[in-house]
Amino acid sequence: MVKEKKTSTPLPTDYFSKGKELEMASAIYNNNLDSVRLLIQEGVDINKLSGGGMTYLYFALMRKEYDIMKLLLENGANPNIVNNFYSKPGYQKEGYSEEKELGVCLETSGDPYYEIKYMKLLIEYGANVNDTIGITPLEASCHDNFQSKEKIKYLVEHGADINYCISGASIIGSQASIYNWDMVLFLLNLGANPMSDIDPDFNVASAVQDYYDEGFDLDSENGKMAQEVKRKLEQRGIKFPYHPTSQATSPESRK
C-alpha cells in the first residue's frame, strides 16, 4: 500500500489569493470538513479556477483529502476541469519562473503517490477515463510500480480505450519499447492490440524483434516473458523475424 503523506504539497497561498478563495483553500489544507461544507452552503463557486489556475478539487487531491474531495464532488465539483498552474509558485512570485503545467484530476490520480481509492472516487463522479490532456490516465498509471495493474484494470473496466495512441504510440507499444514484458503480457490479457501503433516499426512485434536482435538472455525472468509475448504474437499470425520495412529499424534508433 502506498504510504500516505502530504508534506510536499503546496500551501494555500501558492495558488489561492484572498477572501473566500483563500478561506476555502485553507479549510481544505487543514482538512476542516465543516468549514468546507459551510463555505459551499454560502455559495462559493467550487468549479472556479483560482487566480493561480487551480480548482479546489485538484488542490484537495494534491492534499490527499479524500473526504473533502467526496464532499466537493457530491456538491457538483467537476473532475474534468483542466488546471493550469505554475510549476514552481515560489519562484514565480519572485519573478524567476513562469513555467506552468496542466493537470486533470484523474490523470494525476494515476501517479504512484496516490492510492487507487482516489481514482475510483473520481470515476464514480464522472471523471473522463479517456481524457487526453497531457497523457491519458492509463499512461499515467503505467508508472505506478505498486498499483499499476490494479489501476489499469479498473480504468479499462470503466471504459478506458486501451488501444488509444498518443503521438502515434499505444500504451502496450510504449511498454514493449522499454522491454517491460510483464506489463505487455498483462495488457495483452486485458485485450490490448499489439499492432495498434501507427508506425509499424514501433509496435510490440518490432520491440520483440529488437529484444532478440540485441541478444538479451532469454533464460532470464524477463527473457522468458519476452518468449511468451513472441508466442502470443505468433498465435495471432505475426511472423518472425519481424521486419515490416525494407530496412529494419536498428536497436539504437529505439533508444
C-alpha atoms as a PDB file:
ATOM      1  CA  MET A   1       0.000   0.000   0.000  1.00  0.00           C
ATOM      2  CA  VAL A   2       1.180   3.498  -0.775  1.00  0.00           C
ATOM      3  CA  LYS A   3       2.128   5.399   2.352  1.00  0.00           C
ATOM      4  CA  GLU A   4       0.005   8.496   2.858  1.00  0.00           C
ATOM      5  CA  LYS A   5       1.988  11.717   3.092  1.00  0.00           C
ATOM      6  CA  LYS A   6       1.239  15.367   2.476  1.00  0.00           C
ATOM      7  CA  THR A   7       4.446  17.164   3.272  1.00  0.00           C
ATOM      8  CA  SER A   8       5.330  18.044  -0.332  1.00  0.00           C
ATOM      9  CA  THR A   9       2.013  19.672  -1.250  1.00  0.00           C
ATOM     10  CA  PRO A  10       1.806  23.433  -1.824  1.00  0.00           C
ATOM     11  CA  LEU A  11       0.438  25.988   0.607  1.00  0.00           C
ATOM     12  CA  PRO A  12      -2.994  27.584   0.024  1.00  0.00           C
ATOM     13  CA  THR A  13      -1.323  30.934  -0.678  1.00  0.00           C
ATOM     14  CA  ASP A  14       0.667  29.383  -3.531  1.00  0.00           C
ATOM     15  CA  TYR A  15      -2.406  29.146  -5.762  1.00  0.00           C
ATOM     16  CA  PHE A  16      -5.277  30.904  -3.993  1.00  0.00           C
ATOM     17  CA  SER A  17      -5.263  34.648  -3.447  1.00  0.00           C
ATOM     18  CA  LYS A  18      -7.610  36.132  -0.842  1.00  0.00           C
ATOM     19  CA  GLY A  19     -11.112  36.291   0.579  1.00  0.00           C
ATOM     20  CA  LYS A  20     -13.374  33.262   0.227  1.00  0.00           C
ATOM     21  CA  GLU A  21     -10.996  31.705  -2.292  1.00  0.00           C
ATOM     22  CA  LEU A  22      -8.169  31.568   0.215  1.00  0.00           C
ATOM     23  CA  GLU A  23     -10.547  30.684   3.041  1.00  0.00           C
ATOM     24  CA  MET A  24     -11.777  27.623   1.156  1.00  0.00           C
ATOM     25  CA  ALA A  25      -8.267  26.538   0.206  1.00  0.00           C
ATOM     26  CA  SER A  26      -7.119  26.945   3.810  1.00  0.00           C
ATOM     27  CA  ALA A  27     -10.024  24.818   5.026  1.00  0.00           C
ATOM     28  CA  ILE A  28      -9.009  22.107   2.566  1.00  0.00           C
ATOM     29  CA  TYR A  29      -5.365  22.375   3.601  1.00  0.00           C
ATOM     30  CA  ASN A  30      -6.327  21.944   7.262  1.00  0.00           C
ATOM     31  CA  ASN A  31      -8.785  19.131   6.492  1.00  0.00           C
ATOM     32  CA  ASN A  32     -11.617  21.163   8.034  1.00  0.00           C
ATOM     33  CA  LEU A  33     -14.629  19.393   6.580  1.00  0.00           C
ATOM     34  CA  ASP A  34     -17.150  21.524   8.470  1.00  0.00           C
ATOM     35  CA  SER A  35     -15.666  24.776   7.154  1.00  0.00           C
ATOM     36  CA  VAL A  36     -15.658  23.465   3.592  1.00  0.00           C
ATOM     37  CA  ARG A  37     -19.290  22.420   3.948  1.00  0.00           C
ATOM     38  CA  LEU A  38     -20.241  25.841   5.343  1.00  0.00           C
ATOM     39  CA  LEU A  39     -18.472  27.685   2.529  1.00  0.00           C
ATOM     40  CA  ILE A  40     -20.302  25.550  -0.023  1.00  0.00           C
ATOM     41  CA  GLN A  41     -23.591  26.441   1.662  1.00  0.00           C
ATOM     42  CA  GLU A  42     -22.613  30.111   1.471  1.00  0.00           C
ATOM     43  CA  GLY A  43     -22.332  29.793  -2.298  1.00  0.00           C
ATOM     44  CA  VAL A  44     -18.629  29.501  -3.018  1.00  0.00           C
ATOM     45  CA  ASP A  45     -18.152  28.542  -6.681  1.00  0.00           C
ATOM     46  CA  ILE A  46     -16.448  25.179  -6.299  1.00  0.00           C
ATOM     47  CA  ASN A  47     -15.605  24.907 -10.000  1.00  0.00           C
ATOM     48  CA  LYS A  48     -13.919  28.281 -10.364  1.00  0.00           C
ATOM     49  CA  LEU A  49     -10.266  28.218 -11.302  1.00  0.00           C
ATOM     50  CA  SER A  50      -8.269  30.223  -8.789  1.00  0.00           C
ATOM     51  CA  GLY A  51      -6.030  33.079  -9.800  1.00  0.00           C
ATOM     52  CA  GLY A  52      -3.245  30.524  -9.628  1.00  0.00           C
ATOM     53  CA  GLY A  53      -5.016  28.231 -12.098  1.00  0.00           C
ATOM     54  CA  MET A  54      -6.261  25.510  -9.762  1.00  0.00           C
ATOM     55  CA  THR A  55      -9.636  24.164  -8.638  1.00  0.00           C
ATOM     56  CA  TYR A  56     -10.459  23.254  -5.058  1.00  0.00           C
ATOM     57  CA  LEU A  57     -10.925  19.635  -6.107  1.00  0.00           C
ATOM     58  CA  TYR A  58      -7.448  19.435  -7.593  1.00  0.00           C
ATOM     59  CA  PHE A  59      -5.965  21.062  -4.501  1.00  0.00           C
ATOM     60  CA  ALA A  60      -7.811  18.566  -2.291  1.00  0.00           C
ATOM     61  CA  LEU A  61      -6.411  15.751  -4.423  1.00  0.00           C
ATOM     62  CA  MET A  62      -2.887  17.124  -4.022  1.00  0.00           C
ATOM     63  CA  ARG A  63      -3.509  17.182  -0.286  1.00  0.00           C
ATOM     64  CA  LYS A  64      -4.954  13.632  -0.360  1.00  0.00           C
ATOM     65  CA  GLU A  65      -8.061  14.864   1.449  1.00  0.00           C
ATOM     66  CA  TYR A  66     -10.386  12.068   0.363  1.00  0.00           C
ATOM     67  CA  ASP A  67     -13.392  13.101   2.453  1.00  0.00           C
ATOM     68  CA  ILE A  68     -13.170  16.698   1.256  1.00  0.00           C
ATOM     69  CA  MET A  69     -12.892  15.518  -2.345  1.00  0.00           C
ATOM     70  CA  LYS A  70     -16.020  13.445  -1.848  1.00  0.00           C
ATOM     71  CA  LEU A  71     -17.875  16.412  -0.342  1.00  0.00           C
ATOM     72  CA  LEU A  72     -16.867  18.649  -3.250  1.00  0.00           C
ATOM     73  CA  LEU A  73     -17.904  16.035  -5.806  1.00  0.00           C
ATOM     74  CA  GLU A  74     -21.223  15.452  -4.068  1.00  0.00           C
ATOM     75  CA  ASN A  75     -21.873  19.167  -4.413  1.00  0.00           C
ATOM     76  CA  GLY A  76     -21.114  19.355  -8.115  1.00  0.00           C
ATOM     77  CA  ALA A  77     -17.354  19.690  -8.424  1.00  0.00           C
ATOM     78  CA  ASN A  78     -16.311  18.864 -11.990  1.00  0.00           C
ATOM     79  CA  PRO A  79     -13.388  16.395 -12.046  1.00  0.00           C
ATOM     80  CA  ASN A  80     -12.671  17.092 -15.729  1.00  0.00           C
ATOM     81  CA  ILE A  81     -11.652  20.749 -15.443  1.00  0.00           C
ATOM     82  CA  VAL A  82      -8.153  21.384 -16.790  1.00  0.00           C
ATOM     83  CA  ASN A  83      -5.947  23.056 -14.198  1.00  0.00           C
ATOM     84  CA  ASN A  84      -3.179  25.333 -15.477  1.00  0.00           C
ATOM     85  CA  PHE A  85      -0.888  26.350 -12.656  1.00  0.00           C
ATOM     86  CA  TYR A  86       2.666  27.458 -12.018  1.00  0.00           C
ATOM     87  CA  SER A  87       5.011  24.517 -11.538  1.00  0.00           C
ATOM     88  CA  LYS A  88       7.166  26.489  -9.083  1.00  0.00           C
ATOM     89  CA  PRO A  89       4.882  29.040  -7.420  1.00  0.00           C
ATOM     90  CA  GLY A  90       7.576  30.282  -5.066  1.00  0.00           C
ATOM     91  CA  TYR A  91       9.938  31.093  -7.931  1.00  0.00           C
ATOM     92  CA  GLN A  92       7.077  32.617  -9.924  1.00  0.00           C
ATOM     93  CA  LYS A  93       6.267  35.053  -7.134  1.00  0.00           C
ATOM     94  CA  GLU A  94       9.913  36.100  -7.062  1.00  0.00           C
ATOM     95  CA  GLY A  95       9.886  36.596 -10.831  1.00  0.00           C
ATOM     96  CA  TYR A  96      12.227  33.706 -11.601  1.00  0.00           C
ATOM     97  CA  SER A  97       9.898  31.240 -13.324  1.00  0.00           C
ATOM     98  CA  GLU A  98       6.756  31.428 -15.437  1.00  0.00           C
ATOM     99  CA  GLU A  99       6.704  27.689 -16.136  1.00  0.00           C
ATOM    100  CA  LYS A 100       3.220  26.184 -15.984  1.00  0.00           C
ATOM    101  CA  GLU A 101       1.808  22.692 -16.120  1.00  0.00           C
ATOM    102  CA  LEU A 102      -1.583  21.251 -16.961  1.00  0.00           C
ATOM    103  CA  GLY A 103      -3.326  18.925 -14.568  1.00  0.00           C
ATOM    104  CA  VAL A 104      -6.526  16.895 -14.678  1.00  0.00           C
ATOM    105  CA  CYS A 105      -7.603  15.034 -11.567  1.00  0.00           C
ATOM    106  CA  LEU A 106      -7.929  11.517 -12.984  1.00  0.00           C
ATOM    107  CA  GLU A 107      -4.615  11.614 -14.809  1.00  0.00           C
ATOM    108  CA  THR A 108      -2.920  12.874 -11.644  1.00  0.00           C
ATOM    109  CA  SER A 109      -4.502  10.095  -9.570  1.00  0.00           C
ATOM    110  CA  GLY A 110      -2.596   7.589 -11.713  1.00  0.00           C
ATOM    111  CA  ASP A 111       0.638   8.798 -10.126  1.00  0.00           C
ATOM    112  CA  PRO A 112       2.290   6.354  -7.668  1.00  0.00           C
ATOM    113  CA  TYR A 113       1.743   8.953  -4.925  1.00  0.00           C
ATOM    114  CA  TYR A 114      -1.991   8.152  -4.864  1.00  0.00           C
ATOM    115  CA  GLU A 115      -3.833   5.084  -3.713  1.00  0.00           C
ATOM    116  CA  ILE A 116      -6.415   3.731  -6.146  1.00  0.00           C
ATOM    117  CA  LYS A 117      -9.274   4.936  -3.941  1.00  0.00           C
ATOM    118  CA  TYR A 118      -8.832   8.464  -5.332  1.00  0.00           C
ATOM    119  CA  MET A 119      -9.157   7.192  -8.887  1.00  0.00           C
ATOM    120  CA  LYS A 120     -12.266   5.191  -8.017  1.00  0.00           C
ATOM    121  CA  LEU A 121     -13.875   8.206  -6.367  1.00  0.00           C
ATOM    122  CA  LEU A 122     -13.213  10.448  -9.361  1.00  0.00           C
ATOM    123  CA  ILE A 123     -14.601   7.904 -11.816  1.00  0.00           C
ATOM    124  CA  GLU A 124     -17.688   7.444  -9.653  1.00  0.00           C
ATOM    125  CA  TYR A 125     -18.407  11.145 -10.109  1.00  0.00           C
ATOM    126  CA  GLY A 126     -17.862  11.301 -13.851  1.00  0.00           C
ATOM    127  CA  ALA A 127     -14.137  11.679 -14.479  1.00  0.00           C
ATOM    128  CA  ASN A 128     -13.295  11.051 -18.135  1.00  0.00           C
ATOM    129  CA  VAL A 129     -11.297   7.817 -18.342  1.00  0.00           C
ATOM    130  CA  ASN A 130     -10.224   8.722 -21.888  1.00  0.00           C
ATOM    131  CA  ASP A 131      -9.001  12.219 -21.138  1.00  0.00           C
ATOM    132  CA  THR A 132      -6.093  13.183 -23.388  1.00  0.00           C
ATOM    133  CA  ILE A 133      -4.807  16.341 -21.700  1.00  0.00           C
ATOM    134  CA  GLY A 134      -1.119  15.630 -21.268  1.00  0.00           C
ATOM    135  CA  ILE A 135      -1.026  11.842 -21.029  1.00  0.00           C
ATOM    136  CA  THR A 136      -4.026   9.572 -20.562  1.00  0.00           C
ATOM    137  CA  PRO A 137      -4.950   8.157 -17.143  1.00  0.00           C
ATOM    138  CA  LEU A 138      -3.863   4.750 -18.476  1.00  0.00           C
ATOM    139  CA  GLU A 139      -0.413   6.009 -19.404  1.00  0.00           C
ATOM    140  CA  ALA A 140      -0.074   7.789 -16.058  1.00  0.00           C
ATOM    141  CA  SER A 141      -0.976   4.580 -14.227  1.00  0.00           C
ATOM    142  CA  CYS A 142       1.765   2.615 -16.004  1.00  0.00           C
ATOM    143  CA  HIS A 143       4.334   4.499 -13.921  1.00  0.00           C
ATOM    144  CA  ASP A 144       2.920   3.236 -10.615  1.00  0.00           C
ATOM    145  CA  ASN A 145       5.124   0.291  -9.680  1.00  0.00           C
ATOM    146  CA  PHE A 146       2.866  -0.621  -6.772  1.00  0.00           C
ATOM    147  CA  GLN A 147      -0.654  -0.374  -8.185  1.00  0.00           C
ATOM    148  CA  SER A 148      -0.243  -0.046 -11.946  1.00  0.00           C
ATOM    149  CA  LYS A 149      -2.039  -3.254 -12.869  1.00  0.00           C
ATOM    150  CA  GLU A 150      -4.886  -2.622 -10.457  1.00  0.00           C
ATOM    151  CA  LYS A 151      -5.347   0.929 -11.723  1.00  0.00           C
ATOM    152  CA  ILE A 152      -5.114  -0.022 -15.397  1.00  0.00           C
ATOM    153  CA  LYS A 153      -7.584  -2.874 -14.988  1.00  0.00           C
ATOM    154  CA  TYR A 154     -10.030  -0.585 -13.202  1.00  0.00           C
ATOM    155  CA  LEU A 155      -9.750   2.077 -15.911  1.00  0.00           C
ATOM    156  CA  VAL A 156     -10.319  -0.453 -18.704  1.00  0.00           C
ATOM    157  CA  GLU A 157     -13.294  -1.944 -16.865  1.00  0.00           C
ATOM    158  CA  HIS A 158     -14.774   1.553 -16.766  1.00  0.00           C
ATOM    159  CA  GLY A 159     -14.352   2.297 -20.447  1.00  0.00           C
ATOM    160  CA  ALA A 160     -10.776   3.425 -20.998  1.00  0.00           C
ATOM    161  CA  ASP A 161      -9.573   2.781 -24.565  1.00  0.00           C
ATOM    162  CA  ILE A 162      -6.608   0.501 -24.076  1.00  0.00           C
ATOM    163  CA  ASN A 163      -5.521   0.936 -27.703  1.00  0.00           C
ATOM    164  CA  TYR A 164      -5.548   4.729 -27.853  1.00  0.00           C
ATOM    165  CA  CYS A 165      -2.355   6.117 -29.369  1.00  0.00           C
ATOM    166  CA  ILE A 166      -0.704   9.286 -28.090  1.00  0.00           C
ATOM    167  CA  SER A 167       1.711  10.744 -30.651  1.00  0.00           C
ATOM    168  CA  GLY A 168       1.404   7.509 -32.601  1.00  0.00           C
ATOM    169  CA  ALA A 169       2.258   5.201 -29.698  1.00  0.00           C
ATOM    170  CA  SER A 170      -0.084   2.932 -27.772  1.00  0.00           C
ATOM    171  CA  ILE A 171       0.381   2.026 -24.132  1.00  0.00           C
ATOM    172  CA  ILE A 172       1.327  -1.547 -24.965  1.00  0.00           C
ATOM    173  CA  GLY A 173       3.753  -0.324 -27.618  1.00  0.00           C
ATOM    174  CA  SER A 174       5.353   2.092 -25.173  1.00  0.00           C
ATOM    175  CA  GLN A 175       5.797  -0.640 -22.567  1.00  0.00           C
ATOM    176  CA  ALA A 176       7.236  -3.003 -25.181  1.00  0.00           C
ATOM    177  CA  SER A 177       9.732  -0.333 -26.245  1.00  0.00           C
ATOM    178  CA  ILE A 178      11.270  -0.433 -22.759  1.00  0.00           C
ATOM    179  CA  TYR A 179      11.078  -4.236 -22.709  1.00  0.00           C
ATOM    180  CA  ASN A 180       8.596  -4.343 -19.846  1.00  0.00           C
ATOM    181  CA  TRP A 181       7.287  -7.745 -20.919  1.00  0.00           C
ATOM    182  CA  ASP A 182       5.414  -8.390 -17.703  1.00  0.00           C
ATOM    183  CA  MET A 183       3.251  -5.324 -18.367  1.00  0.00           C
ATOM    184  CA  VAL A 184       2.943  -6.223 -22.053  1.00  0.00           C
ATOM    185  CA  LEU A 185       1.557  -9.651 -21.127  1.00  0.00           C
ATOM    186  CA  PHE A 186      -0.835  -8.044 -18.672  1.00  0.00           C
ATOM    187  CA  LEU A 187      -2.089  -5.606 -21.321  1.00  0.00           C
ATOM    188  CA  LEU A 188      -2.456  -8.408 -23.875  1.00  0.00           C
ATOM    189  CA  ASN A 189      -4.612 -10.321 -21.422  1.00  0.00           C
ATOM    190  CA  LEU A 190      -6.762  -7.194 -20.998  1.00  0.00           C
ATOM    191  CA  GLY A 191      -7.362  -7.116 -24.744  1.00  0.00           C
ATOM    192  CA  ALA A 192      -4.737  -4.676 -25.985  1.00  0.00           C
ATOM    193  CA  ASN A 193      -3.891  -4.856 -29.682  1.00  0.00           C
ATOM    194  CA  PRO A 194      -0.116  -5.384 -30.001  1.00  0.00           C
ATOM    195  CA  MET A 195      -0.142  -3.936 -33.526  1.00  0.00           C
ATOM    196  CA  SER A 196      -2.158  -0.785 -32.828  1.00  0.00           C
ATOM    197  CA  ASP A 197       0.772   1.640 -33.043  1.00  0.00           C
ATOM    198  CA  ILE A 198       0.657   3.892 -36.084  1.00  0.00           C
ATOM    199  CA  ASP A 199       4.298   3.252 -37.056  1.00  0.00           C
ATOM    200  CA  PRO A 200       4.837  -0.487 -37.784  1.00  0.00           C
ATOM    201  CA  ASP A 201       8.474  -0.105 -36.741  1.00  0.00           C
ATOM    202  CA  PHE A 202       7.394   0.746 -33.193  1.00  0.00           C
ATOM    203  CA  ASN A 203       4.791  -1.869 -32.251  1.00  0.00           C
ATOM    204  CA  VAL A 204       5.114  -4.859 -29.926  1.00  0.00           C
ATOM    205  CA  ALA A 205       6.362  -7.201 -32.650  1.00  0.00           C
ATOM    206  CA  SER A 206       9.120  -4.758 -33.563  1.00  0.00           C
ATOM    207  CA  ALA A 207      10.148  -4.466 -29.908  1.00  0.00           C
ATOM    208  CA  VAL A 208      10.267  -8.254 -29.550  1.00  0.00           C
ATOM    209  CA  GLN A 209      12.461  -8.488 -32.645  1.00  0.00           C
ATOM    210  CA  ASP A 210      14.802  -5.816 -31.290  1.00  0.00           C
ATOM    211  CA  TYR A 211      14.987  -7.635 -27.949  1.00  0.00           C
ATOM    212  CA  TYR A 212      16.069 -10.815 -29.700  1.00  0.00           C
ATOM    213  CA  ASP A 213      18.467  -8.980 -32.021  1.00  0.00           C
ATOM    214  CA  GLU A 214      20.187  -7.283 -29.079  1.00  0.00           C
ATOM    215  CA  GLY A 215      20.972 -10.685 -27.608  1.00  0.00           C
ATOM    216  CA  PHE A 216      19.320 -10.435 -24.199  1.00  0.00           C
ATOM    217  CA  ASP A 217      19.323 -13.556 -22.026  1.00  0.00           C
ATOM    218  CA  LEU A 218      16.160 -15.424 -22.993  1.00  0.00           C
ATOM    219  CA  ASP A 219      16.508 -17.672 -19.945  1.00  0.00           C
ATOM    220  CA  SER A 220      16.217 -14.742 -17.538  1.00  0.00           C
ATOM    221  CA  GLU A 221      12.853 -13.950 -15.985  1.00  0.00           C
ATOM    222  CA  ASN A 222      12.292 -11.062 -18.382  1.00  0.00           C
ATOM    223  CA  GLY A 223      13.606 -13.129 -21.288  1.00  0.00           C
ATOM    224  CA  LYS A 224      11.101 -15.892 -20.614  1.00  0.00           C
ATOM    225  CA  MET A 225       8.304 -13.333 -20.609  1.00  0.00           C
ATOM    226  CA  ALA A 226       9.609 -11.985 -23.927  1.00  0.00           C
ATOM    227  CA  GLN A 227       9.373 -15.502 -25.332  1.00  0.00           C
ATOM    228  CA  GLU A 228       5.786 -15.720 -24.109  1.00  0.00           C
ATOM    229  CA  VAL A 229       4.943 -12.419 -25.794  1.00  0.00           C
ATOM    230  CA  LYS A 230       6.502 -13.719 -29.031  1.00  0.00           C
ATOM    231  CA  ARG A 231       4.475 -16.915 -28.768  1.00  0.00           C
ATOM    232  CA  LYS A 232       1.241 -14.965 -28.311  1.00  0.00           C
ATOM    233  CA  LEU A 233       2.047 -12.807 -31.328  1.00  0.00           C
ATOM    234  CA  GLU A 234       2.763 -15.879 -33.433  1.00  0.00           C
ATOM    235  CA  GLN A 235      -0.621 -17.253 -32.414  1.00  0.00           C
ATOM    236  CA  ARG A 236      -2.078 -14.101 -33.966  1.00  0.00           C
ATOM    237  CA  GLY A 237      -0.344 -14.861 -37.234  1.00  0.00           C
ATOM    238  CA  ILE A 238       2.596 -12.488 -36.847  1.00  0.00           C
ATOM    239  CA  LYS A 239       5.734 -13.895 -38.439  1.00  0.00           C
ATOM    240  CA  PHE A 240       9.244 -13.678 -37.049  1.00  0.00           C
ATOM    241  CA  PRO A 241      11.809 -12.418 -37.850  1.00  0.00           C
ATOM    242  CA  TYR A 242       9.646  -9.308 -37.943  1.00  0.00           C
ATOM    243  CA  HIS A 243      10.847  -6.615 -40.333  1.00  0.00           C
ATOM    244  CA  PRO A 244       7.914  -4.521 -41.587  1.00  0.00           C
ATOM    245  CA  THR A 245      10.021  -2.262 -43.820  1.00  0.00           C
ATOM    246  CA  SER A 246      12.745  -2.984 -46.352  1.00  0.00           C
ATOM    247  CA  GLN A 247      15.296  -1.647 -43.890  1.00  0.00           C
ATOM    248  CA  ALA A 248      14.898  -2.987 -40.361  1.00  0.00           C
ATOM    249  CA  THR A 249      14.906  -0.449 -37.572  1.00  0.00           C
ATOM    250  CA  SER A 250      18.200  -0.639 -35.723  1.00  0.00           C
ATOM    251  CA  PRO A 251      18.087  -1.179 -31.944  1.00  0.00           C
ATOM    252  CA  GLU A 252      19.974   2.099 -31.491  1.00  0.00           C
ATOM    253  CA  SER A 253      17.134   4.081 -33.070  1.00  0.00           C
ATOM    254  CA  ARG A 254      14.814   2.933 -30.327  1.00  0.00           C
ATOM    255  CA  LYS A 255      16.936   4.362 -27.511  1.00  0.00           C
END
